[in-house]
C-alpha atoms as a PDB file:
ATOM      1  CA  UNK A   1     180.914  38.690   6.223  1.00  0.00           C
ATOM      2  CA  UNK A   2     181.502  36.429   9.026  1.00  0.00           C
ATOM      3  CA  UNK A   3     178.571  34.759  10.863  1.00  0.00           C
ATOM      4  CA  UNK A   4     177.808  35.631  14.632  1.00  0.00           C
ATOM      5  CA  UNK A   5     179.120  32.540  17.231  1.00  0.00           C
ATOM      6  CA  UNK A   6     175.095  32.424  18.065  1.00  0.00           C
ATOM      7  CA  UNK A   7     173.992  31.543  14.453  1.00  0.00           C
ATOM      8  CA  UNK A   8     176.598  29.018  14.110  1.00  0.00           C
ATOM      9  CA  UNK A   9     175.508  27.488  16.994  1.00  0.00           C
ATOM     10  CA  UNK A  10     172.349  27.222  15.917  1.00  0.00           C
ATOM     11  CA  UNK A  11     173.542  25.413  12.928  1.00  0.00           C
ATOM     12  CA  UNK A  12     175.253  22.980  14.922  1.00  0.00           C
ATOM     13  CA  UNK A  13     172.276  22.430  17.137  1.00  0.00           C
ATOM     14  CA  UNK A  14     169.629  21.633  13.825  1.00  0.00           C
ATOM     15  CA  UNK A  15     172.764  19.326  12.426  1.00  0.00           C
ATOM     16  CA  UNK A  16     172.864  17.500  15.813  1.00  0.00           C
ATOM     17  CA  UNK A  17     169.165  17.068  15.894  1.00  0.00           C
ATOM     18  CA  UNK A  18     168.987  16.066  12.664  1.00  0.00           C
ATOM     19  CA  UNK A  19     171.546  13.395  13.168  1.00  0.00           C
ATOM     20  CA  UNK A  20     169.997  12.554  16.012  1.00  0.00           C
ATOM     21  CA  UNK A  21     166.379  11.521  13.389  1.00  0.00           C
ATOM     22  CA  UNK A  22     168.394   9.593  11.309  1.00  0.00           C
ATOM     23  CA  UNK A  23     169.890   7.301  14.087  1.00  0.00           C
ATOM     24  CA  UNK A  24     166.590   7.341  15.121  1.00  0.00           C
ATOM     25  CA  UNK A  25     165.011   6.134  12.399  1.00  0.00           C
ATOM     26  CA  UNK A  26     167.578   3.294  11.875  1.00  0.00           C
ATOM     27  CA  UNK A  27     167.401   1.745  15.154  1.00  0.00           C
ATOM     28  CA  UNK A  28     164.700  -0.454  14.978  1.00  0.00           C
ATOM     29  CA  UNK A  29     166.097  -2.390  12.173  1.00  0.00           C
ATOM     30  CA  UNK A  30     169.458  -2.312  12.999  1.00  0.00           C
ATOM     31  CA  UNK A  31     171.831  -5.707  14.127  1.00  0.00           C
ATOM     32  CA  UNK A  32     174.287  -5.491  16.836  1.00  0.00           C
ATOM     33  CA  UNK A  33     177.471  -4.320  15.249  1.00  0.00           C
ATOM     34  CA  UNK A  34     174.968  -1.249  13.557  1.00  0.00           C
ATOM     35  CA  UNK A  35     174.036  -0.839  17.124  1.00  0.00           C
ATOM     36  CA  UNK A  36     177.315  -0.193  18.111  1.00  0.00           C
ATOM     37  CA  UNK A  37     178.428   1.437  15.456  1.00  0.00           C
ATOM     38  CA  UNK A  38     175.031   4.088  15.807  1.00  0.00           C
ATOM     39  CA  UNK A  39     176.118   4.734  19.566  1.00  0.00           C
ATOM     40  CA  UNK A  40     179.652   5.418  18.740  1.00  0.00           C
ATOM     41  CA  UNK A  41     178.779   8.180  15.795  1.00  0.00           C
ATOM     42  CA  UNK A  42     176.569   9.489  18.784  1.00  0.00           C
ATOM     43  CA  UNK A  43     179.449   9.669  21.157  1.00  0.00           C
ATOM     44  CA  UNK A  44     181.454  11.217  18.636  1.00  0.00           C
ATOM     45  CA  UNK A  45     178.409  13.793  17.552  1.00  0.00           C
ATOM     46  CA  UNK A  46     176.965  15.832  21.092  1.00  0.00           C
ATOM     47  CA  UNK A  47     178.594  15.467  24.613  1.00  0.00           C
ATOM     48  CA  UNK A  48     175.208  14.422  25.935  1.00  0.00           C
ATOM     49  CA  UNK A  49     175.666  11.423  23.971  1.00  0.00           C
ATOM     50  CA  UNK A  50     175.592   9.304  27.213  1.00  0.00           C
ATOM     51  CA  UNK A  51     171.941  10.416  28.050  1.00  0.00           C
ATOM     52  CA  UNK A  52     170.642   9.302  24.817  1.00  0.00           C
ATOM     53  CA  UNK A  53     172.412   6.238  24.198  1.00  0.00           C
ATOM     54  CA  UNK A  54     170.824   5.456  27.915  1.00  0.00           C
ATOM     55  CA  UNK A  55     167.523   6.587  26.918  1.00  0.00           C
ATOM     56  CA  UNK A  56     167.395   4.752  23.578  1.00  0.00           C
ATOM     57  CA  UNK A  57     169.189   1.779  25.310  1.00  0.00           C
ATOM     58  CA  UNK A  58     171.341   1.203  23.252  1.00  0.00           C
ATOM     59  CA  UNK A  59     173.831  -0.478  25.623  1.00  0.00           C
ATOM     60  CA  UNK A  60     171.390  -3.272  26.697  1.00  0.00           C
ATOM     61  CA  UNK A  61     171.075  -4.670  23.060  1.00  0.00           C
END
């Protein structure tokens, strides 16, 4: 039986949240190139990525 659209969206949100937490944990020890990679992955992960990048100050690094 196919799952409802709401269930799919909840699953996508939870996955995005887990990925953001994963990137946030890696960020303090990240080099400049790793920071750029994290920013690029965030852009492909979520539509609100630019706000997250500004909040985490990834462009300044």
